[in-house]
Amino acid sequence: MDLRELHSFVAVVEEGGFSAAARRLHVSQPALSQTVSALERELRVKLLVRSSTGVRPTDAGAALLGEARAMLARRDQALRTMARYTGGGGGVLRIGIPLEFPSRLLGPALTELAEACPDTRVQARHLSTSEQLAALHAGELELGLLRERPTGQEFDAMVVNKERLGVLVAAEQAAELAGPEGIPLEALAGLEWVSFPRADSPAWYDELTAILRSHGLDPGVQAPKGQRLIAEVKFAAVSAGRAFAMAPPDWSQPIPTGVAWSPLVGHPLLRRTWAVWSADSRRQDLGRLIAAFEQPAAG
């Protein structure tokens, strides 16, 4: 029995179900269910009564709930006590950043970190989700900003940004297709999607292509592995009038003449960015940086 299992059990009881607890813990529901089931097997007692309306603790589960909360509280107190004997971090904090991550989020977070931990030096690298995940596994990054949430218990994660993506199209097409609420996604049928390589972020790519197909669009051929989907590539592709590209509403890139950005009717494309870090990390400067992202994520 470890603290992670107890933390999961407490979350399920407090949320009254696995779905809500999984969202709270930023893990998948099957993984959370497996964790609690493993705890029950380890203790050789049934802890939860599962039903179609949720879960409730058994007598044994109610007894464990009190003990688990006490143990977790003691853990938190121990960490606070030890924090008085350690510095703010210091050294290098290596973070991975995807293309198109908003400066309105990154800039203030780094400023807050610099004020709280002046001895920490941030080293940032632009990497795809897959590259960041590989670097996190190799211990080459302390924090990654990923377009998908990794599975398993090795990493902790938190959503730090949600963007309702719109589309870039040729200006003449935008004038023809756009209504008061934007362009319907299905109206882009017949245009080529300017995509990114699936290897960069498989889960996010699959989510996008599923949404496109559900609106009658053909995702087309995958972009070659290693190809960077930078702004210039998007502009060049859509300006000829045969393609569309996705972009957030507060994109920092100046849009050239002949290209227009439009929202999508109903906002069918929601891009999430996750802050991901090792579940075993105890770096205070990393904690400060993660906390600085929390307020924007609440929106």
Protein backbone atom coordinates (compact mmCIF):
# COMPACT_ATOMS: atom_id res chain seq x y z
CA MET A 1 0.00 0.00 0.00
CA ASP A 2 1.51 3.31 -1.11
CA LEU A 3 0.45 6.94 -0.87
CA ARG A 4 -0.53 7.08 -4.54
CA GLU A 5 -3.08 4.29 -3.99
CA LEU A 6 -4.46 6.02 -0.91
CA HIS A 7 -4.66 9.34 -2.75
CA SER A 8 -6.62 7.66 -5.55
CA PHE A 9 -8.98 5.92 -3.10
CA VAL A 10 -9.71 9.18 -1.23
CA ALA A 11 -10.42 11.00 -4.49
CA VAL A 12 -12.92 8.34 -5.63
CA VAL A 13 -14.81 8.47 -2.32
CA GLU A 14 -14.82 12.28 -2.18
CA GLU A 15 -15.97 12.62 -5.79
CA GLY A 16 -18.54 9.83 -5.49
CA GLY A 17 -17.41 8.06 -8.64
CA PHE A 18 -14.49 7.10 -10.84
CA SER A 19 -15.19 9.49 -13.71
CA ALA A 20 -15.12 12.64 -11.59
CA ALA A 21 -12.12 11.37 -9.60
CA ALA A 22 -10.23 10.60 -12.81
CA ARG A 23 -10.80 14.16 -14.03
CA ARG A 24 -9.62 15.51 -10.68
CA LEU A 25 -6.46 13.40 -10.73
CA HIS A 26 -5.88 13.84 -14.51
CA VAL A 27 -5.68 10.11 -15.10
CA SER A 28 -7.77 7.77 -17.22
CA GLN A 29 -10.78 6.12 -15.59
CA PRO A 30 -9.55 2.55 -16.35
CA ALA A 31 -6.17 3.31 -14.77
CA LEU A 32 -7.83 4.73 -11.66
CA SER A 33 -10.14 1.72 -11.38
CA GLN A 34 -7.16 -0.61 -11.64
CA THR A 35 -5.34 1.30 -8.89
CA VAL A 36 -8.27 1.01 -6.47
CA SER A 37 -8.85 -2.64 -7.36
CA ALA A 38 -5.18 -3.35 -6.68
CA LEU A 39 -5.54 -1.69 -3.28
CA GLU A 40 -8.55 -3.91 -2.49
CA ARG A 41 -6.63 -7.04 -3.49
CA GLU A 42 -3.65 -5.96 -1.42
CA LEU A 43 -5.79 -5.36 1.69
CA ARG A 44 -7.99 -8.40 0.95
CA VAL A 45 -11.15 -6.44 1.65
CA LYS A 46 -13.84 -4.71 -0.40
CA LEU A 47 -13.55 -0.95 -0.01
CA LEU A 48 -16.24 0.36 -2.34
CA VAL A 49 -19.79 -0.51 -3.33
CA ARG A 50 -20.14 0.25 -7.03
CA SER A 51 -23.50 1.05 -8.60
CA SER A 52 -24.92 2.80 -11.65
CA THR A 53 -25.24 6.02 -9.63
CA GLY A 54 -21.65 6.05 -8.36
CA VAL A 55 -19.73 4.53 -5.48
CA ARG A 56 -19.86 4.59 -1.69
CA PRO A 57 -17.42 3.19 0.85
CA THR A 58 -18.10 -0.06 2.67
CA ASP A 59 -17.58 -0.17 6.43
CA ALA A 60 -13.98 -1.16 5.79
CA GLY A 61 -13.68 1.62 3.21
CA ALA A 62 -15.00 4.22 5.65
CA ALA A 63 -12.44 3.10 8.21
CA LEU A 64 -9.64 3.29 5.67
CA LEU A 65 -10.82 6.72 4.51
CA GLY A 66 -10.06 8.29 7.87
CA GLU A 67 -6.67 6.60 8.10
CA ALA A 68 -5.80 7.55 4.52
CA ARG A 69 -6.68 11.20 5.03
CA ALA A 70 -4.53 11.28 8.16
CA MET A 71 -1.56 9.70 6.37
CA LEU A 72 -1.84 12.10 3.42
CA ALA A 73 -2.09 15.05 5.80
CA ARG A 74 1.05 13.87 7.59
CA ARG A 75 2.83 13.54 4.24
CA ASP A 76 1.90 17.12 3.32
CA GLN A 77 3.03 18.38 6.71
CA ALA A 78 6.36 16.56 6.34
CA LEU A 79 6.92 18.16 2.94
CA ARG A 80 6.15 21.62 4.36
CA THR A 81 8.56 21.02 7.22
CA MET A 82 11.36 19.85 4.93
CA ALA A 83 10.78 22.83 2.63
CA ARG A 84 12.25 25.06 5.35
CA TYR A 85 15.58 23.28 4.97
CA THR A 86 15.80 23.44 1.20
CA GLY A 87 16.30 26.29 -1.19
CA GLY A 88 13.87 27.42 -3.83
CA GLY A 89 15.45 25.09 -6.35
CA GLY A 90 18.41 26.61 -8.11
CA GLY A 91 20.24 25.20 -11.08
CA VAL A 92 18.63 24.65 -14.46
CA LEU A 93 14.93 23.97 -15.00
CA ARG A 94 14.48 22.42 -18.44
CA ILE A 95 11.08 22.78 -20.07
CA GLY A 96 9.65 21.75 -23.42
CA ILE A 97 7.34 24.07 -25.36
CA PRO A 98 5.15 23.20 -28.37
CA LEU A 99 4.73 25.46 -31.35
CA GLU A 100 1.98 28.09 -30.95
CA PHE A 101 1.97 28.05 -27.15
CA PRO A 102 0.57 31.46 -26.07
CA SER A 103 3.11 33.95 -24.77
CA ARG A 104 0.36 35.42 -22.57
CA LEU A 105 0.61 32.25 -20.46
CA LEU A 106 4.30 31.46 -20.65
CA GLY A 107 5.64 34.98 -20.06
CA PRO A 108 3.83 35.69 -16.75
CA ALA A 109 4.53 32.18 -15.46
CA LEU A 110 8.28 32.57 -16.09
CA THR A 111 8.23 36.04 -14.54
CA GLU A 112 6.58 34.69 -11.39
CA LEU A 113 9.15 31.89 -11.24
CA ALA A 114 12.04 34.35 -11.59
CA GLU A 115 10.70 36.44 -8.73
CA ALA A 116 10.10 33.45 -6.46
CA CYS A 117 13.25 31.47 -7.37
CA PRO A 118 15.93 33.89 -8.62
CA ASP A 119 18.62 31.18 -8.55
CA THR A 120 16.77 29.02 -11.07
CA ARG A 121 17.74 29.34 -14.73
CA VAL A 122 15.13 28.23 -17.25
CA GLN A 123 16.22 26.38 -20.36
CA ALA A 124 13.38 26.11 -22.90
CA ARG A 125 13.23 24.00 -26.07
CA HIS A 126 10.63 23.89 -28.83
CA LEU A 127 9.70 20.21 -29.16
CA SER A 128 6.76 18.18 -30.36
CA THR A 129 4.65 16.25 -27.86
CA SER A 130 6.37 12.95 -28.73
CA GLU A 131 9.81 14.52 -28.44
CA GLN A 132 8.95 16.04 -25.08
CA LEU A 133 7.58 12.76 -23.76
CA ALA A 134 10.76 10.95 -24.79
CA ALA A 135 12.84 13.66 -23.09
CA LEU A 136 10.75 13.40 -19.91
CA HIS A 137 11.29 9.63 -19.81
CA ALA A 138 15.05 10.16 -20.33
CA GLY A 139 15.24 12.75 -17.54
CA GLU A 140 16.18 15.48 -20.01
CA LEU A 141 13.22 17.72 -19.13
CA GLU A 142 11.72 18.72 -15.79
CA LEU A 143 8.49 19.96 -17.37
CA GLY A 144 6.79 19.37 -20.70
CA LEU A 145 3.87 21.22 -22.27
CA LEU A 146 2.14 18.48 -24.24
CA ARG A 147 -0.90 18.36 -26.52
CA GLU A 148 -2.02 15.08 -24.93
CA ARG A 149 -2.01 13.60 -21.44
CA PRO A 150 0.38 10.64 -20.99
CA THR A 151 -1.09 7.42 -19.66
CA GLY A 152 0.17 5.64 -16.57
CA GLN A 153 1.30 6.81 -13.14
CA GLU A 154 4.86 7.89 -13.94
CA PHE A 155 3.88 11.50 -14.57
CA ASP A 156 1.56 14.05 -13.01
CA ALA A 157 -0.29 16.37 -15.35
CA MET A 158 -2.52 19.44 -15.34
CA VAL A 159 -4.39 21.22 -18.12
CA VAL A 160 -2.87 24.70 -18.49
CA ASN A 161 -4.60 25.93 -21.63
CA LYS A 162 -7.67 25.30 -23.76
CA GLU A 163 -8.01 26.89 -27.20
CA ARG A 164 -11.00 26.88 -29.52
CA LEU A 165 -9.24 26.53 -32.84
CA GLY A 166 -10.41 28.40 -35.90
CA VAL A 167 -9.25 28.08 -39.49
CA LEU A 168 -7.02 29.93 -41.91
CA VAL A 169 -8.33 30.07 -45.46
CA ALA A 170 -7.84 32.27 -48.49
CA ALA A 171 -9.50 35.65 -47.89
CA GLU A 172 -11.91 35.24 -50.84
CA GLN A 173 -13.06 31.85 -49.52
CA ALA A 174 -13.57 33.28 -46.04
CA ALA A 175 -15.84 35.95 -47.49
CA GLU A 176 -17.93 33.29 -49.24
CA LEU A 177 -18.09 30.69 -46.46
CA ALA A 178 -18.25 32.69 -43.24
CA GLY A 179 -21.56 33.52 -41.60
CA PRO A 180 -22.28 35.53 -38.43
CA GLU A 181 -20.84 32.75 -36.22
CA GLY A 182 -17.96 31.78 -38.49
CA ILE A 183 -17.39 28.99 -40.98
CA PRO A 184 -19.13 25.60 -40.60
CA LEU A 185 -16.48 22.90 -40.51
CA GLU A 186 -18.35 20.84 -43.11
CA ALA A 187 -18.14 23.80 -45.53
CA LEU A 188 -14.41 23.09 -45.85
CA ALA A 189 -15.04 19.76 -47.59
CA GLY A 190 -12.99 19.64 -50.76
CA LEU A 191 -10.12 21.65 -49.29
CA GLU A 192 -6.91 19.96 -48.15
CA TRP A 193 -6.10 20.03 -44.46
CA VAL A 194 -2.60 21.37 -43.80
CA SER A 195 -1.74 18.81 -41.14
CA PHE A 196 1.18 17.99 -38.88
CA PRO A 197 2.96 14.60 -38.72
CA ARG A 198 0.97 12.09 -36.66
CA ALA A 199 4.21 11.00 -34.99
CA ASP A 200 4.43 14.43 -33.31
CA SER A 201 1.29 13.83 -31.21
CA PRO A 202 -0.59 10.63 -32.07
CA ALA A 203 -3.57 11.03 -29.74
CA TRP A 204 -4.19 14.66 -30.70
CA TYR A 205 -3.82 13.83 -34.40
CA ASP A 206 -6.32 10.98 -34.10
CA GLU A 207 -8.78 13.22 -32.25
CA LEU A 208 -8.56 15.86 -34.98
CA THR A 209 -8.97 13.42 -37.86
CA ALA A 210 -11.98 11.82 -36.16
CA ILE A 211 -13.66 15.23 -35.86
CA LEU A 212 -12.89 16.08 -39.48
CA ARG A 213 -14.35 12.78 -40.69
CA SER A 214 -17.47 13.27 -38.57
CA HIS A 215 -18.07 16.52 -40.47
CA GLY A 216 -17.56 14.93 -43.88
CA LEU A 217 -13.96 16.02 -44.42
CA ASP A 218 -11.17 13.81 -45.72
CA PRO A 219 -8.06 14.29 -43.52
CA GLY A 220 -5.89 13.33 -46.50
CA VAL A 221 -2.36 12.00 -46.44
CA GLN A 222 -0.30 12.34 -43.28
CA ALA A 223 2.42 14.97 -43.31
CA PRO A 224 5.96 13.54 -43.51
CA LYS A 225 7.60 12.77 -40.20
CA GLY A 226 9.87 15.59 -39.09
CA GLN A 227 8.05 18.31 -41.04
CA ARG A 228 7.47 21.40 -38.89
CA LEU A 229 4.08 23.02 -39.30
CA ILE A 230 5.28 26.61 -38.92
CA ALA A 231 3.28 29.72 -39.78
CA GLU A 232 4.96 30.22 -43.15
CA VAL A 233 3.96 26.71 -44.22
CA LYS A 234 0.32 27.36 -43.29
CA PHE A 235 0.18 30.70 -45.07
CA ALA A 236 1.76 29.38 -48.25
CA ALA A 237 -0.60 26.41 -48.38
CA VAL A 238 -3.88 28.28 -47.82
CA SER A 239 -3.15 31.40 -49.88
CA ALA A 240 -3.60 29.44 -53.13
CA GLY A 241 -7.20 28.66 -52.16
CA ARG A 242 -6.93 24.88 -52.13
CA ALA A 243 -6.30 24.22 -48.43
CA PHE A 244 -7.18 25.22 -44.88
CA ALA A 245 -5.12 25.23 -41.70
CA MET A 246 -6.01 25.39 -38.02
CA ALA A 247 -4.96 28.27 -35.76
CA PRO A 248 -6.00 29.71 -32.37
CA PRO A 249 -7.84 33.05 -32.13
CA ASP A 250 -5.03 34.81 -30.26
CA TRP A 251 -2.28 33.58 -32.57
CA SER A 252 0.78 35.81 -32.31
CA GLN A 253 1.62 35.54 -36.01
CA PRO A 254 0.65 38.49 -38.25
CA ILE A 255 -1.69 37.20 -40.98
CA PRO A 256 -0.67 38.31 -44.48
CA THR A 257 -2.94 39.87 -47.09
CA GLY A 258 -4.88 37.23 -48.97
CA VAL A 259 -5.31 34.98 -45.91
CA ALA A 260 -8.08 35.25 -43.31
CA TRP A 261 -8.74 33.63 -39.94
CA SER A 262 -12.29 32.63 -38.99
CA PRO A 263 -13.86 30.88 -36.01
CA LEU A 264 -15.66 27.60 -36.60
CA VAL A 265 -19.39 27.38 -36.00
CA GLY A 266 -20.01 25.50 -32.77
CA HIS A 267 -16.30 25.44 -31.88
CA PRO A 268 -15.79 21.73 -32.67
CA LEU A 269 -11.99 21.84 -32.30
CA LEU A 270 -10.71 22.27 -28.75
CA ARG A 271 -6.94 22.02 -28.28
CA ARG A 272 -5.69 21.30 -24.78
CA THR A 273 -2.16 21.75 -23.51
CA TRP A 274 -1.02 19.74 -20.49
CA ALA A 275 1.81 20.56 -18.12
CA VAL A 276 3.49 17.19 -17.46
CA TRP A 277 6.18 16.40 -14.90
CA SER A 278 7.61 13.45 -13.02
CA ALA A 279 5.33 12.27 -10.22
CA ASP A 280 8.44 11.81 -8.05
CA SER A 281 9.68 15.39 -8.43
CA ARG A 282 10.02 17.47 -5.28
CA ARG A 283 11.64 20.57 -6.81
CA GLN A 284 10.18 23.71 -5.31
CA ASP A 285 10.98 25.83 -8.37
CA LEU A 286 9.09 23.36 -10.57
CA GLY A 287 6.16 23.53 -8.16
CA ARG A 288 6.22 27.32 -8.37
CA LEU A 289 6.13 27.23 -12.17
CA ILE A 290 3.26 24.74 -12.22
CA ALA A 291 1.32 26.83 -9.70
CA ALA A 292 1.82 29.90 -11.91
CA PHE A 293 -0.01 28.09 -14.72
CA GLU A 294 -2.99 27.10 -12.54
CA GLN A 295 -4.91 30.37 -12.61
CA PRO A 296 -5.08 30.70 -16.43
CA ALA A 297 -6.14 27.06 -16.71
CA ALA A 298 -9.23 27.73 -14.63
CA GLY A 299 -10.81 29.56 -17.55
